[in-house]
Amino acid sequence: MKNTSNKNISRKTTIFIVLAYLFLTIILTIPITFQINTHIVGAHDNFETYSHTYNHYRKINLGEESPLEEFKITKVTDISKYFKFSTYVKIIHLFLSEPLSYNIIWLSAFFFSALGAFWLCFYFTKNVSASFLGGLIYAFSPLHFGYSLAFGGGTHIEFIPFFVLFFFKYLNSLKIKPLIISALFLIFILTNEPHYAAYTILFILITLSYFFYKKKLYLNKKFIKQLASISILVITALIIIYWPLLKVTFSKNNYLNPGIQEATYFSNDLVALITPGFSA
């Protein structure tokens, strides 16, 4: 694979990268790619994930509920139900059967994760070979495969590299287009998986703090206005998406709070390598 120090990649190289990742997605997920209409990957927890998508399929395609009823909103708080990653799953079910639609979405997570990581790596390295390897590792790591067998939200890491890519493009150019695109991918992350959302927001705060100090962006009125506008949009989306959880959190019956003992017991001991580990 030819390296390049140019800012752009040729069309031939781009086509090769896309086809290579597509080929690897098919090969590395055998045998599901040859049983895409009859089987799903895994044996246990993934069936719970699959059952959610299959229920959407039954409601829409088997006459139990019409597509219009599926998307019907009776009150403002119902909007939060449709700002979810499963929303486009429902749309795909209008055209494809199960488990075909589930498998296509599952496979797409690997392909687009690799592609997103490639473009992110290339943005910083300008090295095609290194970027291709970065996309390969990110998309087809054992951790990603492991999560994909049990967790719908944990499967879809493809939005993260695209968000980071356009976020840095915005910080380096202060143009409105990459800001809007990065905000769009951020909303996808928020709708997909709360854990990824939490760490992404932490990443944003740390990165913005650095750029505030390094480039003195706090003196740039244009940047402040743009950031304030997009922040209002994202925060509004965040509240809508997590409104059901927020209601529980601030209620008297907050079953989401495990308490300090359970939180301590089940949390990762990050300093166990250099300090005595916690034991119950």
C-alpha atoms as a PDB file:
ATOM      1  CA  MET A   1       0.000   0.000   0.000  1.00  0.00           C
ATOM      2  CA  LYS A   2       1.487   3.291  -1.091  1.00  0.00           C
ATOM      3  CA  ASN A   3       2.119   5.953   1.529  1.00  0.00           C
ATOM      4  CA  THR A   4       1.369   9.584   0.887  1.00  0.00           C
ATOM      5  CA  SER A   5       2.276  12.843   2.525  1.00  0.00           C
ATOM      6  CA  ASN A   6      -0.410  14.778   0.648  1.00  0.00           C
ATOM      7  CA  LYS A   7      -3.436  16.208   2.358  1.00  0.00           C
ATOM      8  CA  ASN A   8      -5.800  14.284   0.084  1.00  0.00           C
ATOM      9  CA  ILE A   9      -6.009  10.658  -1.003  1.00  0.00           C
ATOM     10  CA  SER A  10      -6.487   9.698  -4.636  1.00  0.00           C
ATOM     11  CA  ARG A  11      -9.798   8.262  -5.799  1.00  0.00           C
ATOM     12  CA  LYS A  12      -8.156   4.901  -6.571  1.00  0.00           C
ATOM     13  CA  THR A  13      -6.744   4.664  -3.057  1.00  0.00           C
ATOM     14  CA  THR A  14     -10.097   5.608  -1.545  1.00  0.00           C
ATOM     15  CA  ILE A  15     -11.903   2.933  -3.565  1.00  0.00           C
ATOM     16  CA  PHE A  16      -9.260   0.387  -2.563  1.00  0.00           C
ATOM     17  CA  ILE A  17      -9.655   1.249   1.136  1.00  0.00           C
ATOM     18  CA  VAL A  18     -13.446   0.956   0.957  1.00  0.00           C
ATOM     19  CA  LEU A  19     -13.347  -2.378  -0.898  1.00  0.00           C
ATOM     20  CA  ALA A  20     -10.627  -3.725   1.404  1.00  0.00           C
ATOM     21  CA  TYR A  21     -12.642  -2.968   4.544  1.00  0.00           C
ATOM     22  CA  LEU A  22     -15.773  -4.382   2.923  1.00  0.00           C
ATOM     23  CA  PHE A  23     -13.894  -7.576   2.031  1.00  0.00           C
ATOM     24  CA  LEU A  24     -12.448  -7.854   5.544  1.00  0.00           C
ATOM     25  CA  THR A  25     -15.894  -7.325   7.074  1.00  0.00           C
ATOM     26  CA  ILE A  26     -17.203 -10.271   5.052  1.00  0.00           C
ATOM     27  CA  ILE A  27     -14.206 -12.529   5.695  1.00  0.00           C
ATOM     28  CA  LEU A  28     -13.725 -11.786   9.394  1.00  0.00           C
ATOM     29  CA  THR A  29     -17.403 -12.298  10.228  1.00  0.00           C
ATOM     30  CA  ILE A  30     -17.748 -15.709   8.593  1.00  0.00           C
ATOM     31  CA  PRO A  31     -20.025 -17.653   8.756  1.00  0.00           C
ATOM     32  CA  ILE A  32     -22.726 -15.014   9.349  1.00  0.00           C
ATOM     33  CA  THR A  33     -22.122 -13.397   5.972  1.00  0.00           C
ATOM     34  CA  PHE A  34     -23.207 -16.655   4.306  1.00  0.00           C
ATOM     35  CA  GLN A  35     -26.168 -17.194   6.652  1.00  0.00           C
ATOM     36  CA  ILE A  36     -27.368 -13.615   6.716  1.00  0.00           C
ATOM     37  CA  ASN A  37     -31.027 -14.532   6.123  1.00  0.00           C
ATOM     38  CA  THR A  38     -31.281 -17.316   8.688  1.00  0.00           C
ATOM     39  CA  HIS A  39     -28.879 -16.803  11.624  1.00  0.00           C
ATOM     40  CA  ILE A  40     -27.441 -14.171  13.952  1.00  0.00           C
ATOM     41  CA  VAL A  41     -24.030 -14.216  15.637  1.00  0.00           C
ATOM     42  CA  GLY A  42     -23.769 -15.477  19.217  1.00  0.00           C
ATOM     43  CA  ALA A  43     -25.760 -17.715  21.494  1.00  0.00           C
ATOM     44  CA  HIS A  44     -26.993 -15.880  24.589  1.00  0.00           C
ATOM     45  CA  ASP A  45     -27.223 -12.121  25.325  1.00  0.00           C
ATOM     46  CA  ASN A  46     -27.347 -11.156  21.681  1.00  0.00           C
ATOM     47  CA  PHE A  47     -30.802 -12.718  21.413  1.00  0.00           C
ATOM     48  CA  GLU A  48     -32.117 -10.128  23.854  1.00  0.00           C
ATOM     49  CA  THR A  49     -30.752  -7.399  21.598  1.00  0.00           C
ATOM     50  CA  TYR A  50     -32.172  -9.161  18.570  1.00  0.00           C
ATOM     51  CA  SER A  51     -35.601  -9.536  20.209  1.00  0.00           C
ATOM     52  CA  HIS A  52     -35.977  -5.749  20.405  1.00  0.00           C
ATOM     53  CA  THR A  53     -35.361  -5.307  16.688  1.00  0.00           C
ATOM     54  CA  TYR A  54     -37.517  -8.314  15.837  1.00  0.00           C
ATOM     55  CA  ASN A  55     -40.416  -6.854  17.808  1.00  0.00           C
ATOM     56  CA  HIS A  56     -40.130  -3.684  15.707  1.00  0.00           C
ATOM     57  CA  TYR A  57     -40.167  -5.862  12.591  1.00  0.00           C
ATOM     58  CA  ARG A  58     -43.298  -7.725  13.709  1.00  0.00           C
ATOM     59  CA  LYS A  59     -45.134  -4.523  14.551  1.00  0.00           C
ATOM     60  CA  ILE A  60     -44.395  -2.916  11.204  1.00  0.00           C
ATOM     61  CA  ASN A  61     -44.211  -5.756   8.693  1.00  0.00           C
ATOM     62  CA  LEU A  62     -46.531  -8.407  10.093  1.00  0.00           C
ATOM     63  CA  GLY A  63     -49.540  -6.165  10.528  1.00  0.00           C
ATOM     64  CA  GLU A  64     -49.523  -5.902  14.309  1.00  0.00           C
ATOM     65  CA  GLU A  65     -48.982  -2.175  14.076  1.00  0.00           C
ATOM     66  CA  SER A  66     -48.772   0.167  11.120  1.00  0.00           C
ATOM     67  CA  PRO A  67     -45.635   2.222  10.453  1.00  0.00           C
ATOM     68  CA  LEU A  68     -47.572   5.400  11.185  1.00  0.00           C
ATOM     69  CA  GLU A  69     -48.721   4.065  14.550  1.00  0.00           C
ATOM     70  CA  GLU A  70     -45.154   3.043  15.380  1.00  0.00           C
ATOM     71  CA  PHE A  71     -44.012   6.641  15.046  1.00  0.00           C
ATOM     72  CA  LYS A  72     -47.096   8.237  16.545  1.00  0.00           C
ATOM     73  CA  ILE A  73     -46.380  10.881  19.201  1.00  0.00           C
ATOM     74  CA  THR A  74     -49.174  11.652  21.645  1.00  0.00           C
ATOM     75  CA  LYS A  75     -47.318  14.043  23.956  1.00  0.00           C
ATOM     76  CA  VAL A  76     -44.087  15.976  24.039  1.00  0.00           C
ATOM     77  CA  THR A  77     -42.286  13.516  26.340  1.00  0.00           C
ATOM     78  CA  ASP A  78     -42.929  10.729  23.821  1.00  0.00           C
ATOM     79  CA  ILE A  79     -40.334  12.358  21.548  1.00  0.00           C
ATOM     80  CA  SER A  80     -37.596  10.847  23.709  1.00  0.00           C
ATOM     81  CA  LYS A  81     -38.647   7.364  22.561  1.00  0.00           C
ATOM     82  CA  TYR A  82     -37.749   8.145  18.981  1.00  0.00           C
ATOM     83  CA  PHE A  83     -34.378   9.790  19.551  1.00  0.00           C
ATOM     84  CA  LYS A  84     -32.869   6.337  19.773  1.00  0.00           C
ATOM     85  CA  PHE A  85     -30.492   4.329  17.660  1.00  0.00           C
ATOM     86  CA  SER A  86     -33.291   1.817  17.054  1.00  0.00           C
ATOM     87  CA  THR A  87     -35.228   4.477  15.162  1.00  0.00           C
ATOM     88  CA  TYR A  88     -33.407   3.817  11.896  1.00  0.00           C
ATOM     89  CA  VAL A  89     -33.694   0.099  12.634  1.00  0.00           C
ATOM     90  CA  LYS A  90     -37.438   0.571  12.399  1.00  0.00           C
ATOM     91  CA  ILE A  91     -37.035   2.375   9.095  1.00  0.00           C
ATOM     92  CA  ILE A  92     -34.897  -0.455   7.673  1.00  0.00           C
ATOM     93  CA  HIS A  93     -37.615  -2.907   8.694  1.00  0.00           C
ATOM     94  CA  LEU A  94     -39.949  -1.231   6.232  1.00  0.00           C
ATOM     95  CA  PHE A  95     -37.816  -2.653   3.415  1.00  0.00           C
ATOM     96  CA  LEU A  96     -36.008  -5.740   4.742  1.00  0.00           C
ATOM     97  CA  SER A  97     -36.999  -8.861   6.660  1.00  0.00           C
ATOM     98  CA  GLU A  98     -35.521 -10.329   9.823  1.00  0.00           C
ATOM     99  CA  PRO A  99     -32.848 -11.363  10.594  1.00  0.00           C
ATOM    100  CA  LEU A 100     -31.499  -9.762   7.413  1.00  0.00           C
ATOM    101  CA  SER A 101     -31.952  -6.186   8.631  1.00  0.00           C
ATOM    102  CA  TYR A 102     -30.419  -7.003  12.032  1.00  0.00           C
ATOM    103  CA  ASN A 103     -27.368  -8.586  10.387  1.00  0.00           C
ATOM    104  CA  ILE A 104     -26.858  -5.722   7.944  1.00  0.00           C
ATOM    105  CA  ILE A 105     -26.877  -3.226  10.813  1.00  0.00           C
ATOM    106  CA  TRP A 106     -24.548  -5.495  12.808  1.00  0.00           C
ATOM    107  CA  LEU A 107     -22.099  -5.857   9.920  1.00  0.00           C
ATOM    108  CA  SER A 108     -22.230  -2.141   9.105  1.00  0.00           C
ATOM    109  CA  ALA A 109     -20.827  -1.367  12.570  1.00  0.00           C
ATOM    110  CA  PHE A 110     -17.544  -3.064  11.632  1.00  0.00           C
ATOM    111  CA  PHE A 111     -17.289  -1.558   8.164  1.00  0.00           C
ATOM    112  CA  PHE A 112     -18.045   2.042   9.156  1.00  0.00           C
ATOM    113  CA  SER A 113     -15.934   1.777  12.318  1.00  0.00           C
ATOM    114  CA  ALA A 114     -12.947   0.818  10.187  1.00  0.00           C
ATOM    115  CA  LEU A 115     -13.651   3.568   7.673  1.00  0.00           C
ATOM    116  CA  GLY A 116     -14.118   6.234  10.342  1.00  0.00           C
ATOM    117  CA  ALA A 117     -10.958   5.230  12.197  1.00  0.00           C
ATOM    118  CA  PHE A 118      -9.009   5.247   8.923  1.00  0.00           C
ATOM    119  CA  TRP A 119      -9.998   8.843   8.108  1.00  0.00           C
ATOM    120  CA  LEU A 120      -9.308   9.945  11.666  1.00  0.00           C
ATOM    121  CA  CYS A 121      -5.836   8.373  11.649  1.00  0.00           C
ATOM    122  CA  PHE A 122      -5.084   9.802   8.224  1.00  0.00           C
ATOM    123  CA  TYR A 123      -6.099  13.274   9.368  1.00  0.00           C
ATOM    124  CA  PHE A 124      -3.304  13.200  11.934  1.00  0.00           C
ATOM    125  CA  THR A 125      -0.664  10.984  10.282  1.00  0.00           C
ATOM    126  CA  LYS A 126      -1.139  11.523   6.521  1.00  0.00           C
ATOM    127  CA  ASN A 127       0.050   7.915   6.203  1.00  0.00           C
ATOM    128  CA  VAL A 128      -2.248   5.525   4.343  1.00  0.00           C
ATOM    129  CA  SER A 129      -0.681   2.290   5.613  1.00  0.00           C
ATOM    130  CA  ALA A 130      -0.697   3.356   9.250  1.00  0.00           C
ATOM    131  CA  SER A 131      -4.247   4.661   8.929  1.00  0.00           C
ATOM    132  CA  PHE A 132      -5.439   1.440   7.299  1.00  0.00           C
ATOM    133  CA  LEU A 133      -3.934  -0.552  10.159  1.00  0.00           C
ATOM    134  CA  GLY A 134      -5.555   1.813  12.672  1.00  0.00           C
ATOM    135  CA  GLY A 135      -8.976   1.251  11.121  1.00  0.00           C
ATOM    136  CA  LEU A 136      -8.406  -2.501  11.107  1.00  0.00           C
ATOM    137  CA  ILE A 137      -7.482  -2.588  14.802  1.00  0.00           C
ATOM    138  CA  TYR A 138     -10.302  -0.277  15.873  1.00  0.00           C
ATOM    139  CA  ALA A 139     -13.070  -2.097  14.018  1.00  0.00           C
ATOM    140  CA  PHE A 140     -12.010  -5.720  14.348  1.00  0.00           C
ATOM    141  CA  SER A 141     -10.517  -5.807  17.837  1.00  0.00           C
ATOM    142  CA  PRO A 142     -11.565  -8.713  20.100  1.00  0.00           C
ATOM    143  CA  LEU A 143     -13.223  -6.186  22.439  1.00  0.00           C
ATOM    144  CA  HIS A 144     -15.499  -4.923  19.670  1.00  0.00           C
ATOM    145  CA  PHE A 145     -16.394  -8.461  18.657  1.00  0.00           C
ATOM    146  CA  GLY A 146     -17.082  -9.312  22.288  1.00  0.00           C
ATOM    147  CA  TYR A 147     -19.419  -6.374  22.815  1.00  0.00           C
ATOM    148  CA  SER A 148     -21.144  -7.035  19.505  1.00  0.00           C
ATOM    149  CA  LEU A 149     -22.307 -10.415  20.766  1.00  0.00           C
ATOM    150  CA  ALA A 150     -24.265  -8.985  23.666  1.00  0.00           C
ATOM    151  CA  PHE A 151     -24.778  -5.233  23.574  1.00  0.00           C
ATOM    152  CA  GLY A 152     -26.569  -3.305  20.840  1.00  0.00           C
ATOM    153  CA  GLY A 153     -25.161   0.034  21.980  1.00  0.00           C
ATOM    154  CA  GLY A 154     -21.691  -1.403  22.564  1.00  0.00           C
ATOM    155  CA  THR A 155     -21.645  -2.745  19.019  1.00  0.00           C
ATOM    156  CA  HIS A 156     -21.956   0.614  17.325  1.00  0.00           C
ATOM    157  CA  ILE A 157     -18.676   2.433  17.850  1.00  0.00           C
ATOM    158  CA  GLU A 158     -18.658   3.750  14.276  1.00  0.00           C
ATOM    159  CA  PHE A 159     -19.930   7.206  15.232  1.00  0.00           C
ATOM    160  CA  ILE A 160     -17.029   7.960  17.594  1.00  0.00           C
ATOM    161  CA  PRO A 161     -14.142   8.350  15.102  1.00  0.00           C
ATOM    162  CA  PHE A 162     -16.300  10.412  12.750  1.00  0.00           C
ATOM    163  CA  PHE A 163     -17.247  12.731  15.597  1.00  0.00           C
ATOM    164  CA  VAL A 164     -13.622  13.144  16.729  1.00  0.00           C
ATOM    165  CA  LEU A 165     -12.487  13.756  13.147  1.00  0.00           C
ATOM    166  CA  PHE A 166     -14.928  16.587  12.458  1.00  0.00           C
ATOM    167  CA  PHE A 167     -14.544  17.959  15.975  1.00  0.00           C
ATOM    168  CA  PHE A 168     -10.814  18.480  15.407  1.00  0.00           C
ATOM    169  CA  LYS A 169     -11.449  19.770  11.909  1.00  0.00           C
ATOM    170  CA  TYR A 170     -13.672  22.414  13.439  1.00  0.00           C
ATOM    171  CA  LEU A 171     -11.212  23.356  16.188  1.00  0.00           C
ATOM    172  CA  ASN A 172      -8.455  23.759  13.610  1.00  0.00           C
ATOM    173  CA  SER A 173     -10.532  25.760  11.128  1.00  0.00           C
ATOM    174  CA  LEU A 174     -13.438  27.267  13.117  1.00  0.00           C
ATOM    175  CA  LYS A 175     -15.699  26.660  10.118  1.00  0.00           C
ATOM    176  CA  ILE A 176     -19.371  26.025  10.710  1.00  0.00           C
ATOM    177  CA  LYS A 177     -19.707  22.950   8.440  1.00  0.00           C
ATOM    178  CA  PRO A 178     -17.454  20.567  10.428  1.00  0.00           C
ATOM    179  CA  LEU A 179     -19.051  21.853  13.631  1.00  0.00           C
ATOM    180  CA  ILE A 180     -22.536  20.900  12.430  1.00  0.00           C
ATOM    181  CA  ILE A 181     -21.338  17.494  11.191  1.00  0.00           C
ATOM    182  CA  SER A 182     -19.543  16.781  14.464  1.00  0.00           C
ATOM    183  CA  ALA A 183     -22.676  17.763  16.399  1.00  0.00           C
ATOM    184  CA  LEU A 184     -24.703  15.348  14.277  1.00  0.00           C
ATOM    185  CA  PHE A 185     -22.354  12.454  15.062  1.00  0.00           C
ATOM    186  CA  LEU A 186     -22.340  13.473  18.719  1.00  0.00           C
ATOM    187  CA  ILE A 187     -26.135  13.176  18.792  1.00  0.00           C
ATOM    188  CA  PHE A 188     -25.801   9.711  17.243  1.00  0.00           C
ATOM    189  CA  ILE A 189     -23.429   8.768  20.076  1.00  0.00           C
ATOM    190  CA  LEU A 190     -25.842  10.166  22.661  1.00  0.00           C
ATOM    191  CA  THR A 191     -28.749   8.169  21.233  1.00  0.00           C
ATOM    192  CA  ASN A 192     -26.738   4.985  20.929  1.00  0.00           C
ATOM    193  CA  GLU A 193     -24.996   4.253  24.229  1.00  0.00           C
ATOM    194  CA  PRO A 194     -24.970   6.226  27.523  1.00  0.00           C
ATOM    195  CA  HIS A 195     -21.499   4.994  28.496  1.00  0.00           C
ATOM    196  CA  TYR A 196     -19.971   6.212  25.244  1.00  0.00           C
ATOM    197  CA  ALA A 197     -21.914   9.449  25.609  1.00  0.00           C
ATOM    198  CA  ALA A 198     -20.494  10.102  29.089  1.00  0.00           C
ATOM    199  CA  TYR A 199     -16.879   9.552  28.061  1.00  0.00           C
ATOM    200  CA  THR A 200     -17.341  11.519  24.838  1.00  0.00           C
ATOM    201  CA  ILE A 201     -18.615  14.526  26.795  1.00  0.00           C
ATOM    202  CA  LEU A 202     -15.605  14.207  29.139  1.00  0.00           C
ATOM    203  CA  PHE A 203     -13.320  14.108  26.083  1.00  0.00           C
ATOM    204  CA  ILE A 204     -14.981  17.245  24.700  1.00  0.00           C
ATOM    205  CA  LEU A 205     -14.483  19.170  27.934  1.00  0.00           C
ATOM    206  CA  ILE A 206     -10.799  18.208  28.202  1.00  0.00           C
ATOM    207  CA  THR A 207     -10.105  18.979  24.538  1.00  0.00           C
ATOM    208  CA  LEU A 208     -11.914  22.316  24.651  1.00  0.00           C
ATOM    209  CA  SER A 209      -9.983  23.288  27.772  1.00  0.00           C
ATOM    210  CA  TYR A 210      -6.721  22.613  25.971  1.00  0.00           C
ATOM    211  CA  PHE A 211      -7.706  24.594  22.864  1.00  0.00           C
ATOM    212  CA  PHE A 212      -9.040  27.421  25.008  1.00  0.00           C
ATOM    213  CA  TYR A 213      -5.622  27.735  26.611  1.00  0.00           C
ATOM    214  CA  LYS A 214      -3.436  26.897  23.607  1.00  0.00           C
ATOM    215  CA  LYS A 215      -5.181  29.000  20.953  1.00  0.00           C
ATOM    216  CA  LYS A 216      -6.822  31.505  23.312  1.00  0.00           C
ATOM    217  CA  LEU A 217     -10.194  30.739  21.780  1.00  0.00           C
ATOM    218  CA  TYR A 218     -11.930  32.481  24.661  1.00  0.00           C
ATOM    219  CA  LEU A 219     -10.943  35.730  22.906  1.00  0.00           C
ATOM    220  CA  ASN A 220     -12.623  34.666  19.655  1.00  0.00           C
ATOM    221  CA  LYS A 221     -16.215  35.988  19.641  1.00  0.00           C
ATOM    222  CA  LYS A 222     -17.111  33.952  16.556  1.00  0.00           C
ATOM    223  CA  PHE A 223     -16.013  30.762  18.263  1.00  0.00           C
ATOM    224  CA  ILE A 224     -17.933  31.588  21.442  1.00  0.00           C
ATOM    225  CA  LYS A 225     -21.155  32.228  19.497  1.00  0.00           C
ATOM    226  CA  GLN A 226     -20.802  29.066  17.430  1.00  0.00           C
ATOM    227  CA  LEU A 227     -20.007  26.939  20.456  1.00  0.00           C
ATOM    228  CA  ALA A 228     -22.889  28.400  22.467  1.00  0.00           C
ATOM    229  CA  SER A 229     -25.375  27.800  19.644  1.00  0.00           C
ATOM    230  CA  ILE A 230     -24.356  24.210  19.017  1.00  0.00           C
ATOM    231  CA  SER A 231     -24.167  23.507  22.761  1.00  0.00           C
ATOM    232  CA  ILE A 232     -27.796  24.582  23.194  1.00  0.00           C
ATOM    233  CA  LEU A 233     -28.790  22.210  20.380  1.00  0.00           C
ATOM    234  CA  VAL A 234     -26.854  19.259  21.819  1.00  0.00           C
ATOM    235  CA  ILE A 235     -27.998  19.881  25.407  1.00  0.00           C
ATOM    236  CA  THR A 236     -31.612  20.053  24.223  1.00  0.00           C
ATOM    237  CA  ALA A 237     -31.175  16.757  22.375  1.00  0.00           C
ATOM    238  CA  LEU A 238     -29.484  15.283  25.455  1.00  0.00           C
ATOM    239  CA  ILE A 239     -32.402  16.228  27.710  1.00  0.00           C
ATOM    240  CA  ILE A 240     -34.951  14.847  25.243  1.00  0.00           C
ATOM    241  CA  ILE A 241     -33.039  11.585  24.781  1.00  0.00           C
ATOM    242  CA  TYR A 242     -32.480  10.922  28.465  1.00  0.00           C
ATOM    243  CA  TRP A 243     -35.677  12.444  29.808  1.00  0.00           C
ATOM    244  CA  PRO A 244     -37.075   9.097  31.079  1.00  0.00           C
ATOM    245  CA  LEU A 245     -33.826   8.399  32.951  1.00  0.00           C
ATOM    246  CA  LEU A 246     -33.660  11.939  34.299  1.00  0.00           C
ATOM    247  CA  LYS A 247     -37.165  11.598  35.725  1.00  0.00           C
ATOM    248  CA  VAL A 248     -36.105   8.457  37.581  1.00  0.00           C
ATOM    249  CA  THR A 249     -32.852  10.032  38.762  1.00  0.00           C
ATOM    250  CA  PHE A 250     -34.607  12.965  40.415  1.00  0.00           C
ATOM    251  CA  SER A 251     -37.502  10.922  41.772  1.00  0.00           C
ATOM    252  CA  LYS A 252     -37.816   9.429  45.255  1.00  0.00           C
ATOM    253  CA  ASN A 253     -37.711   5.919  43.795  1.00  0.00           C
ATOM    254  CA  ASN A 254     -34.323   6.216  42.061  1.00  0.00           C
ATOM    255  CA  TYR A 255     -33.617   2.584  41.271  1.00  0.00           C
ATOM    256  CA  LEU A 256     -30.737   3.677  39.004  1.00  0.00           C
ATOM    257  CA  ASN A 257     -28.592   4.601  42.027  1.00  0.00           C
ATOM    258  CA  PRO A 258     -26.827   1.430  43.255  1.00  0.00           C
ATOM    259  CA  GLY A 259     -25.472   3.097  46.402  1.00  0.00           C
ATOM    260  CA  ILE A 260     -21.852   3.660  47.347  1.00  0.00           C
ATOM    261  CA  GLN A 261     -21.227   0.056  48.455  1.00  0.00           C
ATOM    262  CA  GLU A 262     -22.359  -1.545  45.203  1.00  0.00           C
ATOM    263  CA  ALA A 263     -20.716   1.181  43.130  1.00  0.00           C
ATOM    264  CA  THR A 264     -17.407   0.542  44.924  1.00  0.00           C
ATOM    265  CA  TYR A 265     -17.717  -3.227  44.733  1.00  0.00           C
ATOM    266  CA  PHE A 266     -18.544  -3.449  41.020  1.00  0.00           C
ATOM    267  CA  SER A 267     -16.365  -0.609  39.734  1.00  0.00           C
ATOM    268  CA  ASN A 268     -12.991  -1.164  38.083  1.00  0.00           C
ATOM    269  CA  ASP A 269     -10.027  -0.840  40.435  1.00  0.00           C
ATOM    270  CA  LEU A 270      -7.877   1.334  38.182  1.00  0.00           C
ATOM    271  CA  VAL A 271      -4.977   1.629  40.616  1.00  0.00           C
ATOM    272  CA  ALA A 272      -4.836  -2.041  41.665  1.00  0.00           C
ATOM    273  CA  LEU A 273      -1.492  -2.453  39.868  1.00  0.00           C
ATOM    274  CA  ILE A 274       0.260  -0.022  42.185  1.00  0.00           C
ATOM    275  CA  THR A 275      -1.884  -0.127  45.352  1.00  0.00           C
ATOM    276  CA  PRO A 276      -3.546  -2.863  47.430  1.00  0.00           C
ATOM    277  CA  GLY A 277      -6.801  -3.860  45.698  1.00  0.00           C
ATOM    278  CA  PHE A 278     -10.231  -3.472  47.284  1.00  0.00           C
ATOM    279  CA  SER A 279     -11.932  -6.626  48.480  1.00  0.00           C
ATOM    280  CA  ALA A 280     -15.374  -6.984  49.987  1.00  0.00           C
END
